[in-house]
Protein backbone atom coordinates (compact mmCIF):
# COMPACT_ATOMS: atom_id res chain seq x y z
CA MET A 1 18.00 28.82 2.56
CA SER A 2 14.25 28.37 2.94
CA LEU A 3 12.39 25.14 2.17
CA LEU A 4 10.53 26.78 -0.71
CA THR A 5 13.81 27.82 -2.34
CA ILE A 6 15.23 24.32 -2.00
CA LEU A 7 12.11 22.82 -3.59
CA ALA A 8 12.24 25.32 -6.47
CA ILE A 9 15.91 24.59 -7.17
CA SER A 10 15.26 20.83 -6.99
CA LEU A 11 12.35 21.11 -9.41
CA ILE A 12 14.39 23.12 -11.90
CA GLY A 13 17.22 20.60 -11.60
CA CYS A 14 14.86 17.70 -12.29
CA LEU A 15 13.42 19.50 -15.33
CA CYS A 16 16.87 20.05 -16.79
CA ALA A 17 17.96 16.49 -15.95
CA ALA A 18 14.86 15.12 -17.68
CA TRP A 19 15.74 16.93 -20.91
CA VAL A 20 19.32 15.68 -20.70
CA PHE A 21 18.14 12.14 -19.97
CA ARG A 22 15.81 12.01 -22.97
CA PHE A 23 18.28 13.69 -25.36
CA SER A 24 21.19 11.50 -24.24
CA GLY A 25 19.07 8.38 -24.59
CA GLN A 26 18.06 9.32 -28.12
CA VAL A 27 21.67 9.97 -29.15
CA LEU A 28 23.27 7.00 -27.43
CA SER A 29 20.57 4.50 -28.47
CA ASP A 30 20.59 5.70 -32.09
CA GLN A 31 16.95 6.86 -31.92
CA LYS A 32 15.47 3.62 -30.62
CA PRO A 33 11.66 3.80 -30.18
CA PHE A 34 11.83 3.77 -26.38
CA PHE A 35 13.70 7.10 -26.23
CA ARG A 36 12.56 8.50 -29.58
CA ASP A 37 8.86 8.30 -28.68
CA MET A 38 9.31 9.15 -24.99
CA PRO A 39 7.27 12.25 -23.97
CA TYR A 40 9.03 14.85 -21.91
CA GLY A 41 6.63 14.21 -19.03
CA VAL A 42 7.64 10.53 -18.89
CA ALA A 43 11.32 11.47 -18.85
CA PHE A 44 10.63 13.91 -16.01
CA GLY A 45 8.83 11.13 -14.14
CA TYR A 46 11.86 8.83 -14.40
CA VAL A 47 14.22 11.54 -13.18
CA LEU A 48 11.90 12.58 -10.35
CA GLY A 49 11.51 8.97 -9.24
CA VAL A 50 15.28 8.46 -9.15
CA ALA A 51 15.73 11.75 -7.26
CA VAL A 52 13.12 10.82 -4.64
CA LEU A 53 14.63 7.35 -4.22
CA ALA A 54 18.11 8.84 -3.80
CA TRP A 55 16.74 11.31 -1.20
CA ILE A 56 15.08 8.48 0.73
CA ILE A 57 18.28 6.41 0.78
CA VAL A 58 20.50 9.32 1.82
CA THR A 59 18.05 10.48 4.51
CA TYR A 60 17.65 6.94 5.86
CA ILE A 61 21.40 6.38 6.11
CA GLY A 62 21.85 9.79 7.71
CA ALA A 63 19.15 9.02 10.26
CA LYS A 64 20.73 5.68 11.17
CA ILE A 65 24.14 7.20 11.86
CA ALA A 66 22.86 10.39 13.49
CA GLY A 67 22.77 10.67 17.23
CA PHE A 68 20.12 11.99 19.62
CA PRO A 69 18.13 14.20 19.11
CA ALA A 70 18.55 14.31 15.31
CA ALA A 71 17.64 10.63 14.97
CA ASN A 72 14.42 11.16 16.92
CA LYS A 73 13.17 13.68 14.38
CA LEU A 74 13.36 11.01 11.66
CA TYR A 75 12.15 8.09 13.79
CA PHE A 76 8.83 7.66 11.96
CA PHE A 77 10.49 8.13 8.56
CA VAL A 78 13.00 5.38 9.33
CA LYS A 79 10.29 3.01 10.54
CA ALA A 80 8.14 3.73 7.45
CA VAL A 81 11.05 2.90 5.13
CA GLU A 82 11.89 -0.28 7.01
CA TRP A 83 8.33 -1.55 7.05
CA PHE A 84 7.87 -0.65 3.39
CA VAL A 85 10.90 -2.77 2.49
CA ILE A 86 9.67 -5.64 4.67
CA PHE A 87 6.21 -5.63 3.08
CA ALA A 88 7.65 -5.32 -0.43
CA VAL A 89 9.93 -8.32 0.08
CA ALA A 90 7.06 -10.30 1.62
CA ALA A 91 4.83 -9.48 -1.38
CA VAL A 92 7.51 -10.62 -3.83
CA LEU A 93 8.04 -13.89 -1.96
CA PHE A 94 4.29 -14.45 -1.71
CA ARG A 95 3.87 -13.97 -5.47
CA ILE A 96 6.78 -16.32 -6.22
CA LEU A 97 5.23 -18.90 -3.89
CA GLY A 98 1.85 -18.55 -5.59
CA ARG A 99 3.39 -18.98 -9.04
CA ASN A 100 5.00 -22.28 -8.09
CA LEU A 101 2.50 -23.90 -5.72
CA GLY A 102 -1.19 -24.73 -5.88
CA THR A 103 -3.44 -25.63 -8.77
CA ALA A 104 -2.82 -24.69 -12.40
CA GLY A 105 -5.52 -22.01 -12.22
CA MET A 106 -3.97 -20.53 -9.09
CA ARG A 107 -0.50 -20.42 -10.65
CA LYS A 108 -1.92 -18.76 -13.75
CA LEU A 109 -3.71 -16.20 -11.59
CA PHE A 110 -0.50 -15.30 -9.73
CA ARG A 111 1.43 -15.01 -13.00
CA SER A 112 -0.96 -12.31 -14.18
CA MET A 113 -1.08 -10.59 -10.80
CA PRO A 114 0.80 -7.31 -10.26
CA LEU A 115 2.98 -6.89 -7.20
CA THR A 116 0.50 -4.47 -5.61
CA ALA A 117 -2.31 -7.04 -5.82
CA SER A 118 -0.12 -9.78 -4.30
CA PHE A 119 0.73 -7.38 -1.48
CA GLY A 120 -2.96 -6.66 -0.93
CA ILE A 121 -3.94 -10.33 -0.91
CA LEU A 122 -1.11 -11.14 1.51
CA ILE A 123 -2.22 -8.41 3.94
CA ILE A 124 -5.87 -9.47 3.71
CA ILE A 125 -4.91 -13.09 4.46
CA LEU A 126 -2.82 -11.99 7.46
CA TYR A 127 -5.68 -9.84 8.80
CA ALA A 128 -8.12 -12.72 8.33
CA ILE A 129 -5.83 -15.11 10.24
CA VAL A 130 -5.38 -12.63 13.09
CA SER A 131 -9.13 -11.95 13.22
CA ILE A 132 -10.12 -15.62 13.28
CA PHE A 133 -7.47 -16.79 15.75
CA ALA A 134 -7.31 -13.66 17.92
CA GLY A 135 -8.17 -15.66 21.03
CA TRP A 136 -5.12 -17.88 20.54
CA ILE A 137 -2.68 -15.20 19.32
CA ALA A 138 -3.32 -12.50 21.94
CA PRO A 139 -1.34 -13.06 25.16
CA TYR A 140 -4.03 -11.43 27.30
CA GLY A 141 -7.76 -10.83 27.12
CA GLN A 142 -9.14 -7.66 25.61
CA GLU A 143 -10.94 -6.87 28.91
CA GLN A 144 -8.05 -7.84 31.21
CA VAL A 145 -6.84 -4.92 33.34
CA PHE A 146 -3.38 -4.79 34.93
CA ALA A 147 -2.09 -2.67 37.79
CA GLN A 148 0.36 -0.74 35.58
CA ALA A 149 -1.37 1.84 33.39
CA ASN A 150 0.00 4.17 30.70
CA ILE A 151 3.08 2.03 30.08
CA PRO A 152 4.76 3.38 26.91
CA PRO A 153 5.52 1.06 23.97
CA GLY A 154 8.96 -0.42 23.38
CA GLY A 155 9.38 -2.62 26.44
CA ASP A 156 12.47 -0.66 27.52
CA PRO A 157 12.54 -0.14 31.33
CA SER A 158 14.82 2.90 30.92
CA THR A 159 11.99 4.76 29.16
CA GLY A 160 9.27 3.47 31.49
CA GLY A 161 8.41 0.38 29.45
CA ASN A 162 7.79 -3.18 30.56
CA PRO A 163 9.00 -6.28 28.64
CA GLN A 164 5.75 -8.05 29.51
CA PHE A 165 3.87 -5.41 27.50
CA PRO A 166 5.94 -4.74 24.35
CA MET A 167 3.38 -2.25 23.04
CA GLY A 168 2.53 -0.84 26.46
CA THR A 169 -0.77 -0.47 28.26
CA ASP A 170 -3.56 2.08 27.95
CA GLN A 171 -4.90 4.56 30.49
CA ILE A 172 -6.64 1.88 32.59
CA GLY A 173 -3.98 -0.83 32.31
CA ARG A 174 -5.11 -2.98 29.37
CA ASP A 175 -2.47 -4.54 27.11
CA ILE A 176 -2.32 -2.60 23.83
CA TYR A 177 -0.90 -5.54 21.86
CA SER A 178 -3.77 -7.83 22.87
CA ARG A 179 -6.37 -5.16 22.18
CA LEU A 180 -4.81 -4.48 18.80
CA ILE A 181 -5.27 -8.15 17.90
CA TYR A 182 -8.82 -8.27 19.20
CA GLY A 183 -9.49 -5.01 17.39
CA ALA A 184 -8.88 -6.85 14.12
CA GLN A 185 -11.50 -9.40 15.10
CA ASN A 186 -14.06 -6.81 16.14
CA THR A 187 -13.49 -4.00 13.65
CA VAL A 188 -12.76 -6.11 10.57
CA GLY A 189 -15.30 -8.80 11.42
CA ILE A 190 -18.13 -6.34 12.03
CA ALA A 191 -17.18 -4.39 8.89
CA PHE A 192 -17.29 -7.57 6.80
CA ALA A 193 -20.67 -8.59 8.20
CA THR A 194 -22.03 -5.08 7.62
CA THR A 195 -20.80 -5.05 4.03
CA CYS A 196 -22.39 -8.43 3.34
CA LEU A 197 -25.71 -7.17 4.73
CA ALA A 198 -25.45 -3.98 2.66
CA PHE A 199 -24.88 -6.00 -0.51
CA PHE A 200 -27.76 -8.32 0.28
CA ILE A 201 -30.15 -5.39 0.72
CA GLY A 202 -28.84 -3.19 -2.09
CA GLY A 203 -28.26 -6.01 -4.56
CA THR A 204 -31.69 -7.55 -4.00
CA PHE A 205 -33.60 -4.30 -4.50
CA GLY A 206 -31.33 -3.24 -7.34
CA PHE A 207 -31.89 -6.40 -9.35
CA LEU A 208 -35.62 -6.37 -8.58
CA ALA A 209 -35.89 -2.76 -9.78
CA ALA A 210 -33.95 -3.56 -12.94
CA THR A 211 -36.00 -6.68 -13.70
CA LEU A 212 -39.51 -5.50 -12.79
CA GLY A 213 -39.22 -1.74 -13.37
CA GLY A 214 -42.45 0.24 -13.07
CA TRP A 215 -43.67 1.57 -9.76
CA LEU A 216 -41.24 -0.55 -7.70
CA ASP A 217 -38.29 0.98 -9.53
CA GLN A 218 -39.61 4.50 -9.05
CA ILE A 219 -40.39 4.14 -5.33
CA VAL A 220 -37.10 2.50 -4.41
CA SER A 221 -35.01 4.80 -6.60
CA ARG A 222 -36.55 7.97 -5.18
CA THR A 223 -36.07 6.66 -1.64
CA VAL A 224 -32.44 5.93 -2.41
CA ASP A 225 -32.03 9.44 -3.85
CA VAL A 226 -33.28 10.96 -0.61
CA LEU A 227 -30.95 8.82 1.52
CA MET A 228 -27.93 9.53 -0.68
CA ALA A 229 -28.55 13.29 -0.46
CA ILE A 230 -27.56 13.19 3.23
CA PRO A 231 -23.81 12.90 4.05
CA ALA A 232 -23.25 9.31 5.11
CA LEU A 233 -21.11 9.90 8.21
CA ILE A 234 -23.35 12.68 9.56
CA PHE A 235 -26.44 10.58 8.91
CA ALA A 236 -24.89 7.56 10.63
CA LEU A 237 -23.83 9.71 13.58
CA LEU A 238 -27.35 11.10 13.95
CA LEU A 239 -28.99 7.66 13.75
CA MET A 240 -26.47 6.15 16.17
CA THR A 241 -27.23 8.89 18.68
CA ILE A 242 -30.91 7.98 18.47
CA ALA A 243 -30.13 4.26 18.54
CA THR A 244 -28.20 4.71 21.78
CA VAL A 245 -31.44 5.61 23.54
CA TRP A 246 -33.29 2.71 21.92
CA ALA A 247 -30.53 0.28 22.85
CA ASN A 248 -30.83 1.27 26.51
CA ASN A 249 -34.62 1.08 26.48
CA PHE A 250 -34.93 -2.26 24.69
CA GLY A 251 -31.78 -3.89 26.08
CA ILE A 252 -30.32 -4.51 22.61
CA ASP A 253 -26.60 -4.27 21.95
CA ARG A 254 -25.73 -0.96 20.31
CA THR A 255 -23.44 -2.78 17.86
CA ILE A 256 -26.49 -4.42 16.25
CA PHE A 257 -28.02 -1.02 15.60
CA MET A 258 -24.72 0.18 14.16
CA VAL A 259 -24.51 -2.77 11.75
CA VAL A 260 -28.06 -2.24 10.51
CA ILE A 261 -27.70 1.55 10.18
CA ILE A 262 -24.43 1.45 8.24
CA ALA A 263 -25.68 -1.45 6.09
CA VAL A 264 -28.82 0.47 5.09
CA ILE A 265 -26.86 3.64 4.32
CA ASP A 266 -24.28 1.82 2.20
CA ALA A 267 -26.96 -0.33 0.56
CA THR A 268 -28.04 2.79 -1.35
CA ARG A 269 -24.70 2.85 -3.18
CA VAL A 270 -24.91 -0.87 -3.88
CA TYR A 271 -28.45 -0.44 -5.16
CA ARG A 272 -27.33 2.17 -7.70
CA LEU A 273 -24.65 -0.15 -9.10
CA ALA A 274 -26.81 -3.29 -9.06
CA ARG A 275 -29.68 -1.48 -10.81
CA ALA A 276 -27.38 0.00 -13.47
CA VAL A 277 -25.68 -3.32 -14.18
CA GLY A 278 -28.99 -5.18 -14.08
CA GLN A 279 -30.59 -2.80 -16.59
CA ASN A 280 -27.76 -3.49 -19.04
CA ILE A 281 -28.25 -7.24 -18.65
CA VAL A 282 -32.06 -7.52 -18.77
CA VAL A 283 -32.12 -6.27 -22.37
CA MET A 284 -29.89 -9.11 -23.56
CA ASP A 285 -31.26 -11.82 -25.84
CA TYR A 286 -30.66 -14.64 -23.36
CA ILE A 287 -32.86 -12.86 -20.82
CA GLU A 288 -35.67 -12.61 -23.37
CA ALA A 289 -35.18 -16.28 -24.19
CA ALA A 290 -35.44 -17.19 -20.51
CA LYS A 291 -38.67 -15.17 -20.21
CA LEU A 292 -40.11 -16.94 -23.24
CA ARG A 293 -39.26 -20.29 -21.63
CA GLY A 294 -41.42 -19.21 -18.70
CA GLU A 295 -38.62 -18.89 -16.16
CA GLY A 296 -39.53 -17.23 -12.86
CA LEU A 297 -38.19 -14.06 -11.30
CA MET A 298 -35.78 -15.85 -8.97
CA TYR A 299 -34.31 -17.82 -11.86
CA LEU A 300 -33.75 -14.66 -13.87
CA ILE A 301 -32.01 -12.90 -10.97
CA PHE A 302 -29.85 -15.72 -9.58
CA ARG A 303 -29.15 -17.75 -12.74
CA GLU A 304 -29.00 -15.12 -15.45
CA ILE A 305 -28.35 -11.63 -14.04
CA LEU A 306 -26.19 -12.29 -10.97
CA PRO A 307 -23.51 -14.46 -12.69
CA ASN A 308 -23.02 -11.78 -15.34
CA ALA A 309 -22.81 -9.00 -12.72
CA THR A 310 -20.29 -10.71 -10.46
CA ALA A 311 -17.16 -8.83 -11.61
CA PRO A 312 -18.37 -5.25 -10.96
CA LEU A 313 -20.12 -6.30 -7.76
CA LEU A 314 -16.95 -7.94 -6.40
CA ALA A 315 -14.98 -4.79 -7.14
CA GLU A 316 -17.67 -2.69 -5.47
CA PHE A 317 -17.63 -5.07 -2.49
CA GLY A 318 -13.98 -4.22 -1.87
CA LEU A 319 -14.64 -0.49 -2.07
CA ARG A 320 -17.74 -0.72 0.13
CA PHE A 321 -15.79 -2.73 2.69
CA CYS A 322 -13.21 0.05 2.93
CA PHE A 323 -15.89 2.71 3.39
CA VAL A 324 -17.76 0.64 5.98
CA PHE A 325 -14.52 -0.17 7.78
CA LEU A 326 -13.54 3.51 7.97
CA THR A 327 -17.08 4.52 8.99
CA ILE A 328 -17.08 2.09 11.91
CA ALA A 329 -13.64 3.32 13.00
CA SER A 330 -14.84 6.94 12.73
CA LEU A 331 -17.97 6.29 14.78
CA SER A 332 -15.92 4.48 17.42
CA PHE A 333 -13.47 7.39 17.50
CA LEU A 334 -16.43 9.72 18.11
CA GLY A 335 -17.67 7.46 20.90
CA VAL A 336 -20.88 6.08 19.33
CA GLY A 337 -19.51 2.99 17.58
CA ILE A 338 -18.19 -0.23 19.10
CA GLN A 339 -18.35 0.17 22.87
CA PRO A 340 -15.94 -0.93 25.62
CA PRO A 341 -14.89 -3.41 26.79
CA LEU A 342 -14.72 -4.59 23.16
CA ALA A 343 -11.45 -3.57 21.52
CA ASP A 344 -11.77 -1.30 18.50
CA TRP A 345 -9.09 0.48 16.51
CA GLY A 346 -11.01 3.74 16.27
CA THR A 347 -11.47 3.87 20.04
CA MET A 348 -7.81 2.95 20.56
CA VAL A 349 -6.66 5.89 18.45
CA LYS A 350 -8.73 8.25 20.63
CA ASP A 351 -7.70 6.67 23.93
CA LEU A 352 -3.98 6.58 23.11
CA SER A 353 -3.78 10.07 21.63
CA GLN A 354 -2.22 11.29 24.89
CA PHE A 355 1.08 9.67 23.89
CA ILE A 356 1.41 12.13 20.98
CA ASN A 357 2.70 14.67 23.54
CA PHE A 358 5.94 12.64 23.78
CA ALA A 359 6.69 12.83 20.03
CA GLN A 360 9.56 15.34 20.29
CA PHE A 361 11.78 13.53 22.81
CA ALA A 362 10.43 9.95 22.79
CA PRO A 363 8.95 9.10 19.35
CA ASN A 364 8.74 5.39 20.14
CA VAL A 365 6.33 6.31 22.95
CA ALA A 366 4.33 8.58 20.62
CA SER A 367 3.88 5.68 18.20
CA ALA A 368 1.20 4.11 20.44
CA PRO A 369 -1.83 5.78 18.79
CA LEU A 370 -0.28 5.19 15.36
CA LEU A 371 -0.41 1.42 15.84
CA ALA A 372 -4.18 1.27 15.46
CA ALA A 373 -4.22 4.05 12.87
CA GLY A 374 -1.56 2.20 10.87
CA ALA A 375 -3.57 -1.02 11.05
CA ILE A 376 -6.59 0.83 9.62
CA ALA A 377 -4.56 2.46 6.85
CA LEU A 378 -2.73 -0.75 5.91
CA LEU A 379 -5.90 -2.77 5.44
CA THR A 380 -7.54 0.05 3.47
CA VAL A 381 -4.58 0.30 1.08
CA ALA A 382 -4.39 -3.48 0.69
CA VAL A 383 -8.08 -3.82 -0.18
CA ASN A 384 -7.84 -0.97 -2.68
CA PHE A 385 -4.87 -2.64 -4.38
CA VAL A 386 -6.89 -5.83 -4.84
CA VAL A 387 -9.94 -3.87 -6.03
CA ASP A 388 -7.86 -2.02 -8.63
CA TRP A 389 -6.59 -5.33 -9.96
CA MET A 390 -10.09 -6.82 -10.07
CA LEU A 391 -11.41 -3.77 -11.92
CA HIS A 392 -8.58 -4.10 -14.44
CA LYS A 393 -9.33 -7.78 -14.98
CA SER A 394 -13.08 -7.27 -15.29
CA SER A 395 -12.60 -4.42 -17.80
CA GLY A 396 -10.90 -6.76 -20.26
CA LEU A 397 -7.88 -4.46 -20.66
CA LYS A 398 -4.44 -5.96 -21.22
CA GLU A 399 -1.15 -4.83 -19.80
């Protein structure tokens, strides 16, 4: 039986089960509102969710009891399920801890926080700790080279591993575990600094354009339109190629050029938001009252406009950080971003891609390039969870 046939039969079964579920609930509950008003699509969603969960449990158990080589085919699936459970439990415990410890405001915040947001905050805190204390956490230096190169992950000598390097070494003998930790410091730290610079540039010009208007608004807005018409990654790649020559001629670190280039490109998006939010605020009565009092431009921006624009800007900061973070990783993967010997997750994915060839018979070895890729994906998901929660809070909507 083909995969398409199995999927079709499963879909038809879920559709029938959804109708039975809703009808049975209406009859057995004596037409209670929950089942009486339940749309058919919602009932299908419940049934589909239960079916997917049952498939995951059955497949996981089958993979655990299966022998080689069947277990190898489901190696990454098993690890994904295990890590998902670990992170889910950690998020629940973190939220329980936040609801019972700290100040009254902190406890209230955690009580209104969804589980996804608590997961995101937990991951962000862990990344921040690793980034700040990378020099103390990493067992070796990010530039330290050992005699043994291309050691596969796992630390099992029977598969060519080494217990001293639980995640193996790269093609020139550097410890992957240490470079993964230092990659958090370099990639995340540079992305955070770039995002802050982008918000300083975009927010400043956006609020100035909204407050002053006139020729300043027209010049800056048309410049931003031109910059936004060019695809961001292609534009950054072009400018970084040019900056590579300048960096060699002037003796300036290429990373500085990368920070400035990405900050300017992303500042255009921040400018659009800051200008739109600022234009909605400058027409308020309290702004007119401040102008009549004779308040200056800096007072209007920092004391009147900025406090009332904090919520959307904070949400945009999280989104911009994700885009900047992924852009830096992409540029490093293409070879024009963060340069060796500095550790970077994008570069690590490219350098360790050779281990993918061992995926069929040694999936633990093939997981080497996925370590850095997983670190990138995990932080991106975590930040987006927190951003979604902040957008929900700033919108004034209730659960």
